[in-house]
Amino acid sequence: MAATTYTNEPGNAARTDTARDTVNRVADAASETVDRWSATAQDAVERASDAASEYANRAANAASGYADQLTGTGERLLEDARDYIGAHPLRTLGIAAAAGFLIGRMMR
């Protein structure tokens, strides 16, 4: 097999420079494209993060509102029970005795 030899022909240096320039232009274009894609992906991640954060805040606020409603409802029920017991103490004792008797019978 014959060995390939390269000579310093006048056109070889120009072709090497042209190939190097082409490689550099392609590398620069690829780098710019990757930078644009990276910026686009980063923007998308930030938007998704902001949307998730906003959704979580709304959910937390809604849950807090429901907790406040339940606390208020429980307090109102307790207040109504106190008012009823204060207004009808004998009737309340009769209801409590009847409930205790029925529960005792069911437990046997």
PDB file of N, CA and C in Angstrom:
ATOM      1  N   MET A   1       0.835  -1.158   0.000  1.00  0.00           N
ATOM      2  CA  MET A   1       0.000   0.000   0.000  1.00  0.00           C
ATOM      3  C   MET A   1       0.886   1.229   0.000  1.00  0.00           C
ATOM      4  N   ALA A   2       0.530   2.166  -0.783  1.00  0.00           N
ATOM      5  CA  ALA A   2       1.371   3.356  -0.893  1.00  0.00           C
ATOM      6  C   ALA A   2       0.961   4.362   0.155  1.00  0.00           C
ATOM      7  N   ALA A   3       1.915   5.031   0.745  1.00  0.00           N
ATOM      8  CA  ALA A   3       1.653   6.034   1.769  1.00  0.00           C
ATOM      9  C   ALA A   3       1.242   7.335   1.100  1.00  0.00           C
ATOM     10  N   THR A   4       0.278   8.015   1.713  1.00  0.00           N
ATOM     11  CA  THR A   4      -0.168   9.288   1.166  1.00  0.00           C
ATOM     12  C   THR A   4       0.725  10.379   1.727  1.00  0.00           C
ATOM     13  N   THR A   5       1.198  11.200   0.875  1.00  0.00           N
ATOM     14  CA  THR A   5       2.035  12.306   1.338  1.00  0.00           C
ATOM     15  C   THR A   5       1.345  13.603   0.991  1.00  0.00           C
ATOM     16  N   TYR A   6       1.519  14.552   1.845  1.00  0.00           N
ATOM     17  CA  TYR A   6       0.925  15.869   1.635  1.00  0.00           C
ATOM     18  C   TYR A   6       2.050  16.830   1.315  1.00  0.00           C
ATOM     19  N   THR A   7       1.810  17.607   0.368  1.00  0.00           N
ATOM     20  CA  THR A   7       2.843  18.557  -0.040  1.00  0.00           C
ATOM     21  C   THR A   7       2.371  19.955   0.243  1.00  0.00           C
ATOM     22  N   ASN A   8       3.273  20.831   0.214  1.00  0.00           N
ATOM     23  CA  ASN A   8       2.936  22.235   0.430  1.00  0.00           C
ATOM     24  C   ASN A   8       2.573  22.886  -0.894  1.00  0.00           C
ATOM     25  N   GLU A   9       1.534  22.381  -1.469  1.00  0.00           N
ATOM     26  CA  GLU A   9       1.085  22.956  -2.736  1.00  0.00           C
ATOM     27  C   GLU A   9       0.452  24.304  -2.449  1.00  0.00           C
ATOM     28  N   PRO A  10       0.451  25.209  -3.348  1.00  0.00           N
ATOM     29  CA  PRO A  10      -0.064  26.562  -3.120  1.00  0.00           C
ATOM     30  C   PRO A  10      -1.532  26.578  -2.703  1.00  0.00           C
ATOM     31  N   GLY A  11      -2.390  25.700  -3.139  1.00  0.00           N
ATOM     32  CA  GLY A  11      -3.814  25.725  -2.816  1.00  0.00           C
ATOM     33  C   GLY A  11      -4.166  25.075  -1.492  1.00  0.00           C
ATOM     34  N   ASN A  12      -3.272  24.266  -0.909  1.00  0.00           N
ATOM     35  CA  ASN A  12      -3.580  23.548   0.329  1.00  0.00           C
ATOM     36  C   ASN A  12      -3.815  24.488   1.502  1.00  0.00           C
ATOM     37  N   ALA A  13      -3.029  25.501   1.682  1.00  0.00           N
ATOM     38  CA  ALA A  13      -3.175  26.441   2.798  1.00  0.00           C
ATOM     39  C   ALA A  13      -4.496  27.194   2.678  1.00  0.00           C
ATOM     40  N   ALA A  14      -4.861  27.589   1.499  1.00  0.00           N
ATOM     41  CA  ALA A  14      -6.118  28.315   1.298  1.00  0.00           C
ATOM     42  C   ALA A  14      -7.304  27.421   1.607  1.00  0.00           C
ATOM     43  N   ARG A  15      -7.225  26.143   1.183  1.00  0.00           N
ATOM     44  CA  ARG A  15      -8.327  25.223   1.471  1.00  0.00           C
ATOM     45  C   ARG A  15      -8.434  24.950   2.965  1.00  0.00           C
ATOM     46  N   THR A  16      -7.322  24.844   3.655  1.00  0.00           N
ATOM     47  CA  THR A  16      -7.319  24.609   5.096  1.00  0.00           C
ATOM     48  C   THR A  16      -7.935  25.795   5.823  1.00  0.00           C
ATOM     49  N   ASP A  17      -7.563  27.005   5.397  1.00  0.00           N
ATOM     50  CA  ASP A  17      -8.138  28.202   6.016  1.00  0.00           C
ATOM     51  C   ASP A  17      -9.635  28.283   5.756  1.00  0.00           C
ATOM     52  N   THR A  18     -10.072  27.950   4.548  1.00  0.00           N
ATOM     53  CA  THR A  18     -11.486  27.977   4.210  1.00  0.00           C
ATOM     54  C   THR A  18     -12.252  26.943   5.033  1.00  0.00           C
ATOM     55  N   ALA A  19     -11.705  25.759   5.185  1.00  0.00           N
ATOM     56  CA  ALA A  19     -12.350  24.704   5.977  1.00  0.00           C
ATOM     57  C   ALA A  19     -12.411  25.129   7.441  1.00  0.00           C
ATOM     58  N   ARG A  20     -11.338  25.723   7.956  1.00  0.00           N
ATOM     59  CA  ARG A  20     -11.307  26.185   9.347  1.00  0.00           C
ATOM     60  C   ARG A  20     -12.353  27.280   9.553  1.00  0.00           C
ATOM     61  N   ASP A  21     -12.458  28.190   8.597  1.00  0.00           N
ATOM     62  CA  ASP A  21     -13.460  29.260   8.691  1.00  0.00           C
ATOM     63  C   ASP A  21     -14.871  28.682   8.672  1.00  0.00           C
ATOM     64  N   THR A  22     -15.102  27.694   7.829  1.00  0.00           N
ATOM     65  CA  THR A  22     -16.417  27.060   7.749  1.00  0.00           C
ATOM     66  C   THR A  22     -16.752  26.361   9.060  1.00  0.00           C
ATOM     67  N   VAL A  23     -15.803  25.643   9.627  1.00  0.00           N
ATOM     68  CA  VAL A  23     -16.020  24.960  10.898  1.00  0.00           C
ATOM     69  C   VAL A  23     -16.320  25.977  11.992  1.00  0.00           C
ATOM     70  N   ASN A  24     -15.563  27.075  12.015  1.00  0.00           N
ATOM     71  CA  ASN A  24     -15.801  28.115  13.019  1.00  0.00           C
ATOM     72  C   ASN A  24     -17.179  28.745  12.866  1.00  0.00           C
ATOM     73  N   ARG A  25     -17.608  29.017  11.623  1.00  0.00           N
ATOM     74  CA  ARG A  25     -18.945  29.598  11.405  1.00  0.00           C
ATOM     75  C   ARG A  25     -20.038  28.631  11.847  1.00  0.00           C
ATOM     76  N   VAL A  26     -19.877  27.351  11.536  1.00  0.00           N
ATOM     77  CA  VAL A  26     -20.868  26.352  11.947  1.00  0.00           C
ATOM     78  C   VAL A  26     -20.887  26.232  13.464  1.00  0.00           C
ATOM     79  N   ALA A  27     -19.729  26.237  14.098  1.00  0.00           N
ATOM     80  CA  ALA A  27     -19.665  26.148  15.557  1.00  0.00           C
ATOM     81  C   ALA A  27     -20.310  27.377  16.199  1.00  0.00           C
ATOM     82  N   ASP A  28     -20.048  28.567  15.643  1.00  0.00           N
ATOM     83  CA  ASP A  28     -20.660  29.789  16.178  1.00  0.00           C
ATOM     84  C   ASP A  28     -22.177  29.751  16.031  1.00  0.00           C
ATOM     85  N   ALA A  29     -22.652  29.297  14.872  1.00  0.00           N
ATOM     86  CA  ALA A  29     -24.103  29.202  14.649  1.00  0.00           C
ATOM     87  C   ALA A  29     -24.724  28.194  15.605  1.00  0.00           C
ATOM     88  N   ALA A  30     -24.060  27.073  15.808  1.00  0.00           N
ATOM     89  CA  ALA A  30     -24.578  26.057  16.738  1.00  0.00           C
ATOM     90  C   ALA A  30     -24.596  26.607  18.154  1.00  0.00           C
ATOM     91  N   SER A  31     -23.564  27.326  18.534  1.00  0.00           N
ATOM     92  CA  SER A  31     -23.510  27.913  19.870  1.00  0.00           C
ATOM     93  C   SER A  31     -24.637  28.924  20.072  1.00  0.00           C
ATOM     94  N   GLU A  32     -24.882  29.755  19.068  1.00  0.00           N
ATOM     95  CA  GLU A  32     -25.986  30.723  19.151  1.00  0.00           C
ATOM     96  C   GLU A  32     -27.329  30.012  19.269  1.00  0.00           C
ATOM     97  N   THR A  33     -27.509  28.938  18.515  1.00  0.00           N
ATOM     98  CA  THR A  33     -28.760  28.182  18.566  1.00  0.00           C
ATOM     99  C   THR A  33     -28.953  27.561  19.944  1.00  0.00           C
ATOM    100  N   VAL A  34     -27.892  26.993  20.483  1.00  0.00           N
ATOM    101  CA  VAL A  34     -27.976  26.388  21.823  1.00  0.00           C
ATOM    102  C   VAL A  34     -28.285  27.461  22.858  1.00  0.00           C
ATOM    103  N   ASP A  35     -27.668  28.629  22.732  1.00  0.00           N
ATOM    104  CA  ASP A  35     -27.945  29.736  23.659  1.00  0.00           C
ATOM    105  C   ASP A  35     -29.404  30.165  23.581  1.00  0.00           C
ATOM    106  N   ARG A  36     -29.955  30.265  22.363  1.00  0.00           N
ATOM    107  CA  ARG A  36     -31.370  30.641  22.207  1.00  0.00           C
ATOM    108  C   ARG A  36     -32.272  29.584  22.821  1.00  0.00           C
ATOM    109  N   TRP A  37     -31.988  28.320  22.559  1.00  0.00           N
ATOM    110  CA  TRP A  37     -32.805  27.233  23.122  1.00  0.00           C
ATOM    111  C   TRP A  37     -32.711  27.233  24.636  1.00  0.00           C
ATOM    112  N   SER A  38     -31.530  27.477  25.147  1.00  0.00           N
ATOM    113  CA  SER A  38     -31.345  27.513  26.597  1.00  0.00           C
ATOM    114  C   SER A  38     -32.154  28.643  27.212  1.00  0.00           C
ATOM    115  N   ALA A  39     -32.125  29.813  26.586  1.00  0.00           N
ATOM    116  CA  ALA A  39     -32.898  30.950  27.096  1.00  0.00           C
ATOM    117  C   ALA A  39     -34.391  30.664  27.028  1.00  0.00           C
ATOM    118  N   THR A  40     -34.829  30.040  25.948  1.00  0.00           N
ATOM    119  CA  THR A  40     -36.244  29.699  25.803  1.00  0.00           C
ATOM    120  C   THR A  40     -36.662  28.685  26.855  1.00  0.00           C
ATOM    121  N   ALA A  41     -35.822  27.681  27.084  1.00  0.00           N
ATOM    122  CA  ALA A  41     -36.134  26.664  28.102  1.00  0.00           C
ATOM    123  C   ALA A  41     -36.155  27.292  29.486  1.00  0.00           C
ATOM    124  N   GLN A  42     -35.220  28.193  29.754  1.00  0.00           N
ATOM    125  CA  GLN A  42     -35.178  28.849  31.060  1.00  0.00           C
ATOM    126  C   GLN A  42     -36.436  29.691  31.269  1.00  0.00           C
ATOM    127  N   ASP A  43     -36.867  30.409  30.240  1.00  0.00           N
ATOM    128  CA  ASP A  43     -38.104  31.192  30.344  1.00  0.00           C
ATOM    129  C   ASP A  43     -39.303  30.286  30.609  1.00  0.00           C
ATOM    130  N   ALA A  44     -39.353  29.155  29.923  1.00  0.00           N
ATOM    131  CA  ALA A  44     -40.475  28.226  30.111  1.00  0.00           C
ATOM    132  C   ALA A  44     -40.480  27.672  31.536  1.00  0.00           C
ATOM    133  N   VAL A  45     -39.306  27.342  32.059  1.00  0.00           N
ATOM    134  CA  VAL A  45     -39.217  26.819  33.425  1.00  0.00           C
ATOM    135  C   VAL A  45     -39.648  27.893  34.421  1.00  0.00           C
ATOM    136  N   GLU A  46     -39.222  29.133  34.208  1.00  0.00           N
ATOM    137  CA  GLU A  46     -39.610  30.223  35.110  1.00  0.00           C
ATOM    138  C   GLU A  46     -41.118  30.461  35.072  1.00  0.00           C
ATOM    139  N   ARG A  47     -41.706  30.434  33.875  1.00  0.00           N
ATOM    140  CA  ARG A  47     -43.163  30.615  33.769  1.00  0.00           C
ATOM    141  C   ARG A  47     -43.900  29.482  34.465  1.00  0.00           C
ATOM    142  N   ALA A  48     -43.427  28.246  34.274  1.00  0.00           N
ATOM    143  CA  ALA A  48     -44.072  27.100  34.929  1.00  0.00           C
ATOM    144  C   ALA A  48     -43.933  27.201  36.442  1.00  0.00           C
ATOM    145  N   SER A  49     -42.769  27.624  36.904  1.00  0.00           N
ATOM    146  CA  SER A  49     -42.548  27.779  38.339  1.00  0.00           C
ATOM    147  C   SER A  49     -43.453  28.864  38.920  1.00  0.00           C
ATOM    148  N   ASP A  50     -43.564  29.972  38.206  1.00  0.00           N
ATOM    149  CA  ASP A  50     -44.443  31.053  38.665  1.00  0.00           C
ATOM    150  C   ASP A  50     -45.895  30.598  38.713  1.00  0.00           C
ATOM    151  N   ALA A  51     -46.324  29.862  37.684  1.00  0.00           N
ATOM    152  CA  ALA A  51     -47.704  29.374  37.640  1.00  0.00           C
ATOM    153  C   ALA A  51     -47.967  28.390  38.784  1.00  0.00           C
ATOM    154  N   ALA A  52     -47.007  27.505  39.042  1.00  0.00           N
ATOM    155  CA  ALA A  52     -47.172  26.535  40.135  1.00  0.00           C
ATOM    156  C   ALA A  52     -47.212  27.245  41.484  1.00  0.00           C
ATOM    157  N   SER A  53     -46.381  28.250  41.632  1.00  0.00           N
ATOM    158  CA  SER A  53     -46.350  29.010  42.887  1.00  0.00           C
ATOM    159  C   SER A  53     -47.671  29.752  43.093  1.00  0.00           C
ATOM    160  N   GLU A  54     -48.176  30.340  42.026  1.00  0.00           N
ATOM    161  CA  GLU A  54     -49.458  31.050  42.125  1.00  0.00           C
ATOM    162  C   GLU A  54     -50.591  30.083  42.459  1.00  0.00           C
ATOM    163  N   TYR A  55     -50.599  28.916  41.829  1.00  0.00           N
ATOM    164  CA  TYR A  55     -51.620  27.911  42.104  1.00  0.00           C
ATOM    165  C   TYR A  55     -51.541  27.454  43.559  1.00  0.00           C
ATOM    166  N   ALA A  56     -50.321  27.217  44.044  1.00  0.00           N
ATOM    167  CA  ALA A  56     -50.148  26.780  45.433  1.00  0.00           C
ATOM    168  C   ALA A  56     -50.631  27.854  46.407  1.00  0.00           C
ATOM    169  N   ASN A  57     -50.352  29.118  46.089  1.00  0.00           N
ATOM    170  CA  ASN A  57     -50.817  30.203  46.959  1.00  0.00           C
ATOM    171  C   ASN A  57     -52.343  30.270  46.984  1.00  0.00           C
ATOM    172  N   ARG A  58     -52.955  30.126  45.804  1.00  0.00           N
ATOM    173  CA  ARG A  58     -54.431  30.151  45.759  1.00  0.00           C
ATOM    174  C   ARG A  58     -55.024  28.984  46.534  1.00  0.00           C
ATOM    175  N   ALA A  59     -54.423  27.802  46.401  1.00  0.00           N
ATOM    176  CA  ALA A  59     -54.919  26.627  47.127  1.00  0.00           C
ATOM    177  C   ALA A  59     -54.767  26.814  48.635  1.00  0.00           C
ATOM    178  N   ALA A  60     -53.630  27.374  49.052  1.00  0.00           N
ATOM    179  CA  ALA A  60     -53.414  27.612  50.485  1.00  0.00           C
ATOM    180  C   ALA A  60     -54.412  28.627  51.020  1.00  0.00           C
ATOM    181  N   ASN A  61     -54.681  29.672  50.252  1.00  0.00           N
ATOM    182  CA  ASN A  61     -55.651  30.680  50.684  1.00  0.00           C
ATOM    183  C   ASN A  61     -57.057  30.085  50.774  1.00  0.00           C
ATOM    184  N   ALA A  62     -57.410  29.239  49.808  1.00  0.00           N
ATOM    185  CA  ALA A  62     -58.728  28.605  49.838  1.00  0.00           C
ATOM    186  C   ALA A  62     -58.846  27.683  51.050  1.00  0.00           C
ATOM    187  N   ALA A  63     -57.806  26.901  51.313  1.00  0.00           N
ATOM    188  CA  ALA A  63     -57.838  25.996  52.466  1.00  0.00           C
ATOM    189  C   ALA A  63     -57.932  26.786  53.766  1.00  0.00           C
ATOM    190  N   SER A  64     -57.228  27.900  53.835  1.00  0.00           N
ATOM    191  CA  SER A  64     -57.295  28.744  55.029  1.00  0.00           C
ATOM    192  C   SER A  64     -58.702  29.303  55.211  1.00  0.00           C
ATOM    193  N   GLY A  65     -59.317  29.699  54.101  1.00  0.00           N
ATOM    194  CA  GLY A  65     -60.695  30.206  54.174  1.00  0.00           C
ATOM    195  C   GLY A  65     -61.666  29.147  54.660  1.00  0.00           C
ATOM    196  N   TYR A  66     -61.499  27.921  54.161  1.00  0.00           N
ATOM    197  CA  TYR A  66     -62.371  26.834  54.607  1.00  0.00           C
ATOM    198  C   TYR A  66     -62.157  26.538  56.089  1.00  0.00           C
ATOM    199  N   ALA A  67     -60.912  26.571  56.536  1.00  0.00           N
ATOM    200  CA  ALA A  67     -60.624  26.328  57.952  1.00  0.00           C
ATOM    201  C   ALA A  67     -61.280  27.399  58.818  1.00  0.00           C
ATOM    202  N   ASP A  68     -61.214  28.648  58.358  1.00  0.00           N
ATOM    203  CA  ASP A  68     -61.865  29.735  59.103  1.00  0.00           C
ATOM    204  C   ASP A  68     -63.375  29.519  59.169  1.00  0.00           C
ATOM    205  N   GLN A  69     -63.973  29.067  58.053  1.00  0.00           N
ATOM    206  CA  GLN A  69     -65.417  28.816  58.032  1.00  0.00           C
ATOM    207  C   GLN A  69     -65.776  27.698  59.005  1.00  0.00           C
ATOM    208  N   LEU A  70     -64.989  26.625  58.993  1.00  0.00           N
ATOM    209  CA  LEU A  70     -65.279  25.506  59.896  1.00  0.00           C
ATOM    210  C   LEU A  70     -65.125  25.921  61.356  1.00  0.00           C
ATOM    211  N   THR A  71     -64.101  26.697  61.651  1.00  0.00           N
ATOM    212  CA  THR A  71     -63.911  27.171  63.020  1.00  0.00           C
ATOM    213  C   THR A  71     -65.085  28.040  63.438  1.00  0.00           C
ATOM    214  N   GLY A  72     -65.505  28.916  62.537  1.00  0.00           N
ATOM    215  CA  GLY A  72     -66.654  29.773  62.835  1.00  0.00           C
ATOM    216  C   GLY A  72     -67.920  28.970  63.029  1.00  0.00           C
ATOM    217  N   THR A  73     -68.117  27.923  62.224  1.00  0.00           N
ATOM    218  CA  THR A  73     -69.305  27.083  62.344  1.00  0.00           C
ATOM    219  C   THR A  73     -69.305  26.344  63.674  1.00  0.00           C
ATOM    220  N   GLY A  74     -68.165  25.800  64.053  1.00  0.00           N
ATOM    221  CA  GLY A  74     -68.065  25.090  65.333  1.00  0.00           C
ATOM    222  C   GLY A  74     -68.335  26.013  66.503  1.00  0.00           C
ATOM    223  N   GLU A  75     -67.802  27.213  66.433  1.00  0.00           N
ATOM    224  CA  GLU A  75     -68.029  28.178  67.513  1.00  0.00           C
ATOM    225  C   GLU A  75     -69.507  28.572  67.596  1.00  0.00           C
ATOM    226  N   ARG A  76     -70.145  28.730  66.433  1.00  0.00           N
ATOM    227  CA  ARG A  76     -71.581  29.067  66.421  1.00  0.00           C
ATOM    228  C   ARG A  76     -72.413  27.926  66.995  1.00  0.00           C
ATOM    229  N   LEU A  77     -72.081  26.688  66.646  1.00  0.00           N
ATOM    230  CA  LEU A  77     -72.820  25.544  67.189  1.00  0.00           C
ATOM    231  C   LEU A  77     -72.667  25.456  68.705  1.00  0.00           C
ATOM    232  N   LEU A  78     -71.461  25.670  69.189  1.00  0.00           N
ATOM    233  CA  LEU A  78     -71.223  25.635  70.626  1.00  0.00           C
ATOM    234  C   LEU A  78     -71.995  26.753  71.332  1.00  0.00           C
ATOM    235  N   GLU A  79     -72.002  27.913  70.741  1.00  0.00           N
ATOM    236  CA  GLU A  79     -72.743  29.038  71.324  1.00  0.00           C
ATOM    237  C   GLU A  79     -74.249  28.770  71.323  1.00  0.00           C
ATOM    238  N   ASP A  80     -74.755  28.201  70.232  1.00  0.00           N
ATOM    239  CA  ASP A  80     -76.184  27.854  70.170  1.00  0.00           C
ATOM    240  C   ASP A  80     -76.538  26.806  71.226  1.00  0.00           C
ATOM    241  N   ALA A  81     -75.660  25.811  71.415  1.00  0.00           N
ATOM    242  CA  ALA A  81     -75.912  24.782  72.433  1.00  0.00           C
ATOM    243  C   ALA A  81     -75.945  25.400  73.827  1.00  0.00           C
ATOM    244  N   ARG A  82     -75.017  26.297  74.110  1.00  0.00           N
ATOM    245  CA  ARG A  82     -75.008  26.969  75.421  1.00  0.00           C
ATOM    246  C   ARG A  82     -76.295  27.775  75.626  1.00  0.00           C
ATOM    247  N   ASP A  83     -76.710  28.479  74.572  1.00  0.00           N
ATOM    248  CA  ASP A  83     -77.938  29.270  74.675  1.00  0.00           C
ATOM    249  C   ASP A  83     -79.147  28.362  74.939  1.00  0.00           C
ATOM    250  N   TYR A  84     -79.240  27.236  74.237  1.00  0.00           N
ATOM    251  CA  TYR A  84     -80.363  26.325  74.405  1.00  0.00           C
ATOM    252  C   TYR A  84     -80.367  25.733  75.812  1.00  0.00           C
ATOM    253  N   ILE A  85     -79.165  25.295  76.269  1.00  0.00           N
ATOM    254  CA  ILE A  85     -79.068  24.706  77.614  1.00  0.00           C
ATOM    255  C   ILE A  85     -79.455  25.733  78.675  1.00  0.00           C
ATOM    256  N   GLY A  86     -79.007  26.976  78.497  1.00  0.00           N
ATOM    257  CA  GLY A  86     -79.344  28.025  79.454  1.00  0.00           C
ATOM    258  C   GLY A  86     -80.837  28.340  79.446  1.00  0.00           C
ATOM    259  N   ALA A  87     -81.467  28.276  78.280  1.00  0.00           N
ATOM    260  CA  ALA A  87     -82.887  28.594  78.168  1.00  0.00           C
ATOM    261  C   ALA A  87     -83.770  27.431  78.619  1.00  0.00           C
ATOM    262  N   HIS A  88     -83.319  26.179  78.452  1.00  0.00           N
ATOM    263  CA  HIS A  88     -84.137  25.001  78.764  1.00  0.00           C
ATOM    264  C   HIS A  88     -83.324  23.976  79.543  1.00  0.00           C
ATOM    265  N   PRO A  89     -82.969  24.247  80.794  1.00  0.00           N
ATOM    266  CA  PRO A  89     -82.106  23.311  81.534  1.00  0.00           C
ATOM    267  C   PRO A  89     -82.779  21.973  81.841  1.00  0.00           C
ATOM    268  N   LEU A  90     -84.048  21.966  82.209  1.00  0.00           N
ATOM    269  CA  LEU A  90     -84.719  20.700  82.540  1.00  0.00           C
ATOM    270  C   LEU A  90     -84.920  19.847  81.301  1.00  0.00           C
ATOM    271  N   ARG A  91     -85.315  20.450  80.210  1.00  0.00           N
ATOM    272  CA  ARG A  91     -85.492  19.716  78.959  1.00  0.00           C
ATOM    273  C   ARG A  91     -84.155  19.098  78.541  1.00  0.00           C
ATOM    274  N   THR A  92     -83.057  19.841  78.698  1.00  0.00           N
ATOM    275  CA  THR A  92     -81.724  19.340  78.341  1.00  0.00           C
ATOM    276  C   THR A  92     -81.354  18.140  79.198  1.00  0.00           C
ATOM    277  N   LEU A  93     -81.651  18.200  80.502  1.00  0.00           N
ATOM    278  CA  LEU A  93     -81.383  17.058  81.380  1.00  0.00           C
ATOM    279  C   LEU A  93     -82.198  15.839  80.961  1.00  0.00           C
ATOM    280  N   GLY A  94     -83.449  16.037  80.590  1.00  0.00           N
ATOM    281  CA  GLY A  94     -84.298  14.934  80.138  1.00  0.00           C
ATOM    282  C   GLY A  94     -83.751  14.317  78.855  1.00  0.00           C
ATOM    283  N   ILE A  95     -83.325  15.149  77.914  1.00  0.00           N
ATOM    284  CA  ILE A  95     -82.759  14.632  76.650  1.00  0.00           C
ATOM    285  C   ILE A  95     -81.477  13.858  76.935  1.00  0.00           C
ATOM    286  N   ALA A  96     -80.633  14.394  77.810  1.00  0.00           N
ATOM    287  CA  ALA A  96     -79.372  13.720  78.146  1.00  0.00           C
ATOM    288  C   ALA A  96     -79.637  12.381  78.829  1.00  0.00           C
ATOM    289  N   ALA A  97     -80.623  12.334  79.739  1.00  0.00           N
ATOM    290  CA  ALA A  97     -80.946  11.082  80.431  1.00  0.00           C
ATOM    291  C   ALA A  97     -81.491  10.057  79.460  1.00  0.00           C
ATOM    292  N   ALA A  98     -82.373  10.485  78.545  1.00  0.00           N
ATOM    293  CA  ALA A  98     -82.934   9.562  77.560  1.00  0.00           C
ATOM    294  C   ALA A  98     -81.838   9.037  76.631  1.00  0.00           C
ATOM    295  N   ALA A  99     -80.948   9.911  76.198  1.00  0.00           N
ATOM    296  CA  ALA A  99     -79.858   9.483  75.316  1.00  0.00           C
ATOM    297  C   ALA A  99     -78.951   8.497  76.049  1.00  0.00           C
ATOM    298  N   GLY A 100     -78.646   8.764  77.312  1.00  0.00           N
ATOM    299  CA  GLY A 100     -77.811   7.856  78.091  1.00  0.00           C
ATOM    300  C   GLY A 100     -78.470   6.501  78.257  1.00  0.00           C
ATOM    301  N   PHE A 101     -79.784   6.480  78.519  1.00  0.00           N
ATOM    302  CA  PHE A 101     -80.519   5.222  78.679  1.00  0.00           C
ATOM    303  C   PHE A 101     -80.475   4.408  77.387  1.00  0.00           C
ATOM    304  N   LEU A 102     -80.735   5.078  76.229  1.00  0.00           N
ATOM    305  CA  LEU A 102     -80.734   4.375  74.934  1.00  0.00           C
ATOM    306  C   LEU A 102     -79.356   3.837  74.583  1.00  0.00           C
ATOM    307  N   ILE A 103     -78.364   4.629  74.830  1.00  0.00           N
ATOM    308  CA  ILE A 103     -76.987   4.167  74.519  1.00  0.00           C
ATOM    309  C   ILE A 103     -76.623   2.993  75.426  1.00  0.00           C
ATOM    310  N   GLY A 104     -77.033   3.062  76.700  1.00  0.00           N
ATOM    311  CA  GLY A 104     -76.770   1.951  77.607  1.00  0.00           C
ATOM    312  C   GLY A 104     -77.452   0.678  77.152  1.00  0.00           C
ATOM    313  N   ARG A 105     -78.671   0.773  76.652  1.00  0.00           N
ATOM    314  CA  ARG A 105     -79.404  -0.413  76.172  1.00  0.00           C
ATOM    315  C   ARG A 105     -78.742  -0.993  74.931  1.00  0.00           C
ATOM    316  N   MET A 106     -78.229  -0.128  74.066  1.00  0.00           N
ATOM    317  CA  MET A 106     -77.583  -0.611  72.847  1.00  0.00           C
ATOM    318  C   MET A 106     -76.259  -1.303  73.135  1.00  0.00           C
ATOM    319  N   MET A 107     -75.603  -0.929  74.191  1.00  0.00           N
ATOM    320  CA  MET A 107     -74.300  -1.482  74.518  1.00  0.00           C
ATOM    321  C   MET A 107     -74.388  -2.880  75.112  1.00  0.00           C
ATOM    322  N   ARG A 108     -75.535  -3.312  75.531  1.00  0.00           N
ATOM    323  CA  ARG A 108     -75.688  -4.642  76.158  1.00  0.00           C
ATOM    324  C   ARG A 108     -75.686  -5.731  75.166  1.00  0.00           C
TER     325      ARG A 108
END
